[in-house]
PDB file of all heavy atoms in Angstrom:
ATOM      1  N   LYS A   1       0.825  -1.206   0.000  1.00  0.00           N
ATOM      2  CA  LYS A   1       0.000   0.000   0.000  1.00  0.00           C
ATOM      3  C   LYS A   1       0.860   1.258   0.000  1.00  0.00           C
ATOM      4  O   LYS A   1       0.593   2.231  -0.737  1.00  0.00           O
ATOM      5  CB  LYS A   1      -0.924  -0.021   1.210  1.00  0.00           C
ATOM      6  CG  LYS A   1      -1.852   1.198   1.299  1.00  0.00           C
ATOM      7  CD  LYS A   1      -2.687   1.162   2.576  1.00  0.00           C
ATOM      8  CE  LYS A   1      -3.533   2.413   2.666  1.00  0.00           C
ATOM      9  NZ  LYS A   1      -4.295   2.481   3.914  1.00  0.00           N
ATOM     10  N   ALA A   2       1.930   1.225   0.842  1.00  0.00           N
ATOM     11  CA  ALA A   2       2.825   2.386   0.897  1.00  0.00           C
ATOM     12  C   ALA A   2       3.507   2.604  -0.454  1.00  0.00           C
ATOM     13  O   ALA A   2       3.677   3.739  -0.918  1.00  0.00           O
ATOM     14  CB  ALA A   2       3.838   2.206   2.000  1.00  0.00           C
ATOM     15  N   THR A   3       3.909   1.476  -1.079  1.00  0.00           N
ATOM     16  CA  THR A   3       4.563   1.590  -2.392  1.00  0.00           C
ATOM     17  C   THR A   3       3.610   2.183  -3.429  1.00  0.00           C
ATOM     18  O   THR A   3       3.985   3.059  -4.222  1.00  0.00           O
ATOM     19  CB  THR A   3       5.067   0.201  -2.836  1.00  0.00           C
ATOM     20  OG1 THR A   3       5.953  -0.322  -1.840  1.00  0.00           O
ATOM     21  CG2 THR A   3       5.785   0.291  -4.148  1.00  0.00           C
ATOM     22  N   LEU A   4       2.366   1.703  -3.432  1.00  0.00           N
ATOM     23  CA  LEU A   4       1.378   2.234  -4.380  1.00  0.00           C
ATOM     24  C   LEU A   4       1.110   3.713  -4.140  1.00  0.00           C
ATOM     25  O   LEU A   4       1.013   4.522  -5.081  1.00  0.00           O
ATOM     26  CB  LEU A   4       0.084   1.432  -4.279  1.00  0.00           C
ATOM     27  CG  LEU A   4       0.132  -0.015  -4.855  1.00  0.00           C
ATOM     28  CD1 LEU A   4      -1.145  -0.774  -4.512  1.00  0.00           C
ATOM     29  CD2 LEU A   4       0.363   0.024  -6.356  1.00  0.00           C
ATOM     30  N   GLU A   5       0.997   4.051  -2.839  1.00  0.00           N
ATOM     31  CA  GLU A   5       0.780   5.471  -2.544  1.00  0.00           C
ATOM     32  C   GLU A   5       1.942   6.328  -3.006  1.00  0.00           C
ATOM     33  O   GLU A   5       1.752   7.434  -3.546  1.00  0.00           O
ATOM     34  CB  GLU A   5       0.537   5.645  -1.054  1.00  0.00           C
ATOM     35  CG  GLU A   5      -0.802   5.092  -0.582  1.00  0.00           C
ATOM     36  CD  GLU A   5      -0.968   5.209   0.918  1.00  0.00           C
ATOM     37  OE1 GLU A   5       0.043   5.573   1.571  1.00  0.00           O
ATOM     38  OE2 GLU A   5      -2.089   4.984   1.430  1.00  0.00           O
ATOM     39  N   GLU A   6       3.173   5.814  -2.784  1.00  0.00           N
ATOM     40  CA  GLU A   6       4.351   6.563  -3.239  1.00  0.00           C
ATOM     41  C   GLU A   6       4.368   6.693  -4.758  1.00  0.00           C
ATOM     42  O   GLU A   6       4.695   7.762  -5.313  1.00  0.00           O
ATOM     43  CB  GLU A   6       5.615   5.863  -2.738  1.00  0.00           C
ATOM     44  CG  GLU A   6       6.899   6.580  -3.093  1.00  0.00           C
ATOM     45  CD  GLU A   6       7.007   7.938  -2.420  1.00  0.00           C
ATOM     46  OE1 GLU A   6       6.397   8.135  -1.349  1.00  0.00           O
ATOM     47  OE2 GLU A   6       7.698   8.815  -2.976  1.00  0.00           O
ATOM     48  N   ASN A   7       4.008   5.603  -5.451  1.00  0.00           N
ATOM     49  CA  ASN A   7       3.993   5.655  -6.920  1.00  0.00           C
ATOM     50  C   ASN A   7       2.936   6.655  -7.424  1.00  0.00           C
ATOM     51  O   ASN A   7       3.182   7.422  -8.369  1.00  0.00           O
ATOM     52  CB  ASN A   7       3.704   4.265  -7.490  1.00  0.00           C
ATOM     53  CG  ASN A   7       4.862   3.307  -7.260  1.00  0.00           C
ATOM     54  OD1 ASN A   7       6.008   3.728  -7.111  1.00  0.00           O
ATOM     55  ND2 ASN A   7       4.579   1.995  -7.215  1.00  0.00           N
ATOM     56  N   ILE A   8       1.773   6.618  -6.768  1.00  0.00           N
ATOM     57  CA  ILE A   8       0.718   7.561  -7.183  1.00  0.00           C
ATOM     58  C   ILE A   8       1.151   8.998  -6.928  1.00  0.00           C
ATOM     59  O   ILE A   8       0.973   9.893  -7.776  1.00  0.00           O
ATOM     60  CB  ILE A   8      -0.593   7.227  -6.452  1.00  0.00           C
ATOM     61  CG1 ILE A   8      -1.152   5.887  -6.966  1.00  0.00           C
ATOM     62  CG2 ILE A   8      -1.618   8.337  -6.650  1.00  0.00           C
ATOM     63  CD1 ILE A   8      -2.347   5.375  -6.188  1.00  0.00           C
ATOM     64  N   MET A   9       1.745   9.267  -5.741  1.00  0.00           N
ATOM     65  CA  MET A   9       2.216  10.616  -5.445  1.00  0.00           C
ATOM     66  C   MET A   9       3.315  11.045  -6.411  1.00  0.00           C
ATOM     67  O   MET A   9       3.367  12.203  -6.851  1.00  0.00           O
ATOM     68  CB  MET A   9       2.706  10.683  -3.999  1.00  0.00           C
ATOM     69  CG  MET A   9       1.595  10.541  -2.964  1.00  0.00           C
ATOM     70  SD  MET A   9       0.323  11.811  -3.115  1.00  0.00           S
ATOM     71  CE  MET A   9       1.270  13.278  -2.796  1.00  0.00           C
ATOM     72  N   SER A  10       4.218  10.083  -6.752  1.00  0.00           N
ATOM     73  CA  SER A  10       5.277  10.402  -7.713  1.00  0.00           C
ATOM     74  C   SER A  10       4.695  10.726  -9.084  1.00  0.00           C
ATOM     75  O   SER A  10       5.123  11.677  -9.763  1.00  0.00           O
ATOM     76  CB  SER A  10       6.247   9.229  -7.811  1.00  0.00           C
ATOM     77  OG  SER A  10       7.235   9.503  -8.794  1.00  0.00           O
ATOM     78  N   ALA A  11       3.675   9.923  -9.476  1.00  0.00           N
ATOM     79  CA  ALA A  11       3.039  10.201 -10.768  1.00  0.00           C
ATOM     80  C   ALA A  11       2.334  11.559 -10.761  1.00  0.00           C
ATOM     81  O   ALA A  11       2.393  12.322 -11.739  1.00  0.00           O
ATOM     82  CB  ALA A  11       2.043   9.091 -11.099  1.00  0.00           C
ATOM     83  N   ILE A  12       1.685  11.883  -9.627  1.00  0.00           N
ATOM     84  CA  ILE A  12       1.013  13.187  -9.528  1.00  0.00           C
ATOM     85  C   ILE A  12       2.025  14.319  -9.605  1.00  0.00           C
ATOM     86  O   ILE A  12       1.809  15.343 -10.276  1.00  0.00           O
ATOM     87  CB  ILE A  12       0.180  13.252  -8.232  1.00  0.00           C
ATOM     88  CG1 ILE A  12      -1.009  12.273  -8.339  1.00  0.00           C
ATOM     89  CG2 ILE A  12      -0.307  14.666  -7.965  1.00  0.00           C
ATOM     90  CD1 ILE A  12      -1.792  12.133  -7.051  1.00  0.00           C
ATOM     91  N   ARG A  13       3.181  14.129  -8.879  1.00  0.00           N
ATOM     92  CA  ARG A  13       4.208  15.187  -8.922  1.00  0.00           C
ATOM     93  C   ARG A  13       4.777  15.335 -10.339  1.00  0.00           C
ATOM     94  O   ARG A  13       5.008  16.455 -10.813  1.00  0.00           O
ATOM     95  CB  ARG A  13       5.311  14.852  -7.918  1.00  0.00           C
ATOM     96  CG  ARG A  13       4.950  15.123  -6.460  1.00  0.00           C
ATOM     97  CD  ARG A  13       6.186  15.093  -5.565  1.00  0.00           C
ATOM     98  NE  ARG A  13       6.775  13.744  -5.547  1.00  0.00           N
ATOM     99  CZ  ARG A  13       6.464  12.813  -4.660  1.00  0.00           C
ATOM    100  NH1 ARG A  13       5.549  13.077  -3.720  1.00  0.00           N
ATOM    101  NH2 ARG A  13       7.040  11.616  -4.675  1.00  0.00           N
ATOM    102  N   ASP A  14       4.994  14.155 -10.986  1.00  0.00           N
ATOM    103  CA  ASP A  14       5.513  14.232 -12.360  1.00  0.00           C
ATOM    104  C   ASP A  14       4.524  14.942 -13.293  1.00  0.00           C
ATOM    105  O   ASP A  14       4.910  15.765 -14.134  1.00  0.00           O
ATOM    106  CB  ASP A  14       5.802  12.831 -12.890  1.00  0.00           C
ATOM    107  CG  ASP A  14       6.966  12.163 -12.161  1.00  0.00           C
ATOM    108  OD1 ASP A  14       7.756  12.920 -11.544  1.00  0.00           O
ATOM    109  OD2 ASP A  14       7.077  10.926 -12.225  1.00  0.00           O
ATOM    110  N   ARG A  15       3.247  14.617 -13.117  1.00  0.00           N
ATOM    111  CA  ARG A  15       2.228  15.281 -13.965  1.00  0.00           C
ATOM    112  C   ARG A  15       2.156  16.774 -13.674  1.00  0.00           C
ATOM    113  O   ARG A  15       2.017  17.602 -14.593  1.00  0.00           O
ATOM    114  CB  ARG A  15       0.876  14.616 -13.719  1.00  0.00           C
ATOM    115  CG  ARG A  15      -0.241  15.099 -14.645  1.00  0.00           C
ATOM    116  CD  ARG A  15       0.112  14.827 -16.106  1.00  0.00           C
ATOM    117  NE  ARG A  15      -0.905  15.318 -17.000  1.00  0.00           N
ATOM    118  CZ  ARG A  15      -1.917  14.575 -17.443  1.00  0.00           C
ATOM    119  NH1 ARG A  15      -2.019  13.298 -17.069  1.00  0.00           N
ATOM    120  NH2 ARG A  15      -2.788  15.077 -18.278  1.00  0.00           N
ATOM    121  N   ALA A  16       2.259  17.113 -12.382  1.00  0.00           N
ATOM    122  CA  ALA A  16       2.234  18.537 -12.022  1.00  0.00           C
ATOM    123  C   ALA A  16       3.441  19.264 -12.600  1.00  0.00           C
ATOM    124  O   ALA A  16       3.325  20.390 -13.124  1.00  0.00           O
ATOM    125  CB  ALA A  16       2.180  18.692 -10.508  1.00  0.00           C
ATOM    126  N   ASP A  17       4.632  18.604 -12.512  1.00  0.00           N
ATOM    127  CA  ASP A  17       5.833  19.228 -13.102  1.00  0.00           C
ATOM    128  C   ASP A  17       5.671  19.392 -14.610  1.00  0.00           C
ATOM    129  O   ASP A  17       6.053  20.421 -15.194  1.00  0.00           O
ATOM    130  CB  ASP A  17       7.058  18.375 -12.784  1.00  0.00           C
ATOM    131  CG  ASP A  17       7.409  18.393 -11.294  1.00  0.00           C
ATOM    132  OD1 ASP A  17       6.959  19.345 -10.600  1.00  0.00           O
ATOM    133  OD2 ASP A  17       8.102  17.473 -10.834  1.00  0.00           O
ATOM    134  N   TYR A  18       5.123  18.341 -15.238  1.00  0.00           N
ATOM    135  CA  TYR A  18       4.917  18.418 -16.700  1.00  0.00           C
ATOM    136  C   TYR A  18       3.964  19.548 -17.061  1.00  0.00           C
ATOM    137  O   TYR A  18       4.209  20.320 -18.015  1.00  0.00           O
ATOM    138  CB  TYR A  18       4.383  17.067 -17.205  1.00  0.00           C
ATOM    139  CG  TYR A  18       3.951  17.109 -18.645  1.00  0.00           C
ATOM    140  CD1 TYR A  18       4.892  17.121 -19.674  1.00  0.00           C
ATOM    141  CD2 TYR A  18       2.592  17.165 -18.983  1.00  0.00           C
ATOM    142  CE1 TYR A  18       4.490  17.159 -20.992  1.00  0.00           C
ATOM    143  CE2 TYR A  18       2.187  17.213 -20.304  1.00  0.00           C
ATOM    144  CZ  TYR A  18       3.138  17.213 -21.310  1.00  0.00           C
ATOM    145  OH  TYR A  18       2.752  17.257 -22.614  1.00  0.00           O
ATOM    146  N   GLU A  19       2.874  19.658 -16.281  1.00  0.00           N
ATOM    147  CA  GLU A  19       1.926  20.740 -16.560  1.00  0.00           C
ATOM    148  C   GLU A  19       2.551  22.102 -16.329  1.00  0.00           C
ATOM    149  O   GLU A  19       2.305  23.051 -17.079  1.00  0.00           O
ATOM    150  CB  GLU A  19       0.674  20.566 -15.691  1.00  0.00           C
ATOM    151  CG  GLU A  19      -0.169  19.334 -16.017  1.00  0.00           C
ATOM    152  CD  GLU A  19      -0.731  19.373 -17.417  1.00  0.00           C
ATOM    153  OE1 GLU A  19      -0.927  20.496 -17.956  1.00  0.00           O
ATOM    154  OE2 GLU A  19      -0.979  18.296 -18.005  1.00  0.00           O
ATOM    155  N   MET A  20       3.374  22.191 -15.270  1.00  0.00           N
ATOM    156  CA  MET A  20       4.044  23.475 -15.017  1.00  0.00           C
ATOM    157  C   MET A  20       5.000  23.822 -16.148  1.00  0.00           C
ATOM    158  O   MET A  20       5.071  24.980 -16.584  1.00  0.00           O
ATOM    159  CB  MET A  20       4.786  23.419 -13.675  1.00  0.00           C
ATOM    160  CG  MET A  20       3.852  23.367 -12.454  1.00  0.00           C
ATOM    161  SD  MET A  20       4.751  23.279 -10.895  1.00  0.00           S
ATOM    162  CE  MET A  20       5.617  24.838 -10.923  1.00  0.00           C
ATOM    163  N   ARG A  21       5.755  22.787 -16.604  1.00  0.00           N
ATOM    164  CA  ARG A  21       6.668  23.046 -17.726  1.00  0.00           C
ATOM    165  C   ARG A  21       5.885  23.440 -18.985  1.00  0.00           C
ATOM    166  O   ARG A  21       6.311  24.314 -19.745  1.00  0.00           O
ATOM    167  CB  ARG A  21       7.521  21.818 -17.992  1.00  0.00           C
ATOM    168  CG  ARG A  21       8.584  21.553 -16.926  1.00  0.00           C
ATOM    169  CD  ARG A  21       9.605  20.536 -17.422  1.00  0.00           C
ATOM    170  NE  ARG A  21       8.985  19.250 -17.767  1.00  0.00           N
ATOM    171  CZ  ARG A  21       8.819  18.246 -16.906  1.00  0.00           C
ATOM    172  NH1 ARG A  21       9.220  18.403 -15.634  1.00  0.00           N
ATOM    173  NH2 ARG A  21       8.259  17.121 -17.282  1.00  0.00           N
ATOM    174  N   ARG A  22       4.752  22.776 -19.179  1.00  0.00           N
ATOM    175  CA  ARG A  22       3.940  23.096 -20.347  1.00  0.00           C
ATOM    176  C   ARG A  22       3.381  24.521 -20.259  1.00  0.00           C
ATOM    177  O   ARG A  22       3.370  25.268 -21.255  1.00  0.00           O
ATOM    178  CB  ARG A  22       2.798  22.099 -20.460  1.00  0.00           C
ATOM    179  CG  ARG A  22       1.972  22.266 -21.725  1.00  0.00           C
ATOM    180  CD  ARG A  22       0.913  21.195 -21.835  1.00  0.00           C
ATOM    181  NE  ARG A  22       0.114  21.392 -23.032  1.00  0.00           N
ATOM    182  CZ  ARG A  22      -0.933  20.651 -23.372  1.00  0.00           C
ATOM    183  NH1 ARG A  22      -1.296  19.633 -22.556  1.00  0.00           N
ATOM    184  NH2 ARG A  22      -1.613  20.885 -24.464  1.00  0.00           N
ATOM    185  N   VAL A  23       2.908  24.895 -19.056  1.00  0.00           N
ATOM    186  CA  VAL A  23       2.418  26.259 -18.863  1.00  0.00           C
ATOM    187  C   VAL A  23       3.531  27.271 -19.121  1.00  0.00           C
ATOM    188  O   VAL A  23       3.331  28.308 -19.779  1.00  0.00           O
ATOM    189  CB  VAL A  23       1.827  26.417 -17.452  1.00  0.00           C
ATOM    190  CG1 VAL A  23       1.556  27.890 -17.139  1.00  0.00           C
ATOM    191  CG2 VAL A  23       0.546  25.608 -17.312  1.00  0.00           C
ATOM    192  N   ALA A  24       4.737  26.958 -18.593  1.00  0.00           N
ATOM    193  CA  ALA A  24       5.872  27.863 -18.813  1.00  0.00           C
ATOM    194  C   ALA A  24       6.203  27.965 -20.300  1.00  0.00           C
ATOM    195  O   ALA A  24       6.497  29.066 -20.828  1.00  0.00           O
ATOM    196  CB  ALA A  24       7.087  27.391 -18.020  1.00  0.00           C
ATOM    197  N   ALA A  25       6.150  26.807 -21.007  1.00  0.00           N
ATOM    198  CA  ALA A  25       6.433  26.816 -22.447  1.00  0.00           C
ATOM    199  C   ALA A  25       5.383  27.629 -23.201  1.00  0.00           C
ATOM    200  O   ALA A  25       5.699  28.410 -24.121  1.00  0.00           O
ATOM    201  CB  ALA A  25       6.492  25.375 -22.978  1.00  0.00           C
ATOM    202  N   LEU A  26       4.094  27.452 -22.803  1.00  0.00           N
ATOM    203  CA  LEU A  26       3.040  28.225 -23.467  1.00  0.00           C
ATOM    204  C   LEU A  26       3.178  29.722 -23.198  1.00  0.00           C
ATOM    205  O   LEU A  26       2.971  30.549 -24.092  1.00  0.00           O
ATOM    206  CB  LEU A  26       1.671  27.737 -22.992  1.00  0.00           C
ATOM    207  CG  LEU A  26       1.250  26.334 -23.486  1.00  0.00           C
ATOM    208  CD1 LEU A  26      -0.068  25.932 -22.832  1.00  0.00           C
ATOM    209  CD2 LEU A  26       1.125  26.314 -24.998  1.00  0.00           C
TER     210      LEU A  26
END
């Protein structure tokens, strides 16, 4: 469960970083 939660949080952070980079690029 802890591993899944960490993976989900990592995926959320990666998506947030990607969106931030995309916003910055736009």
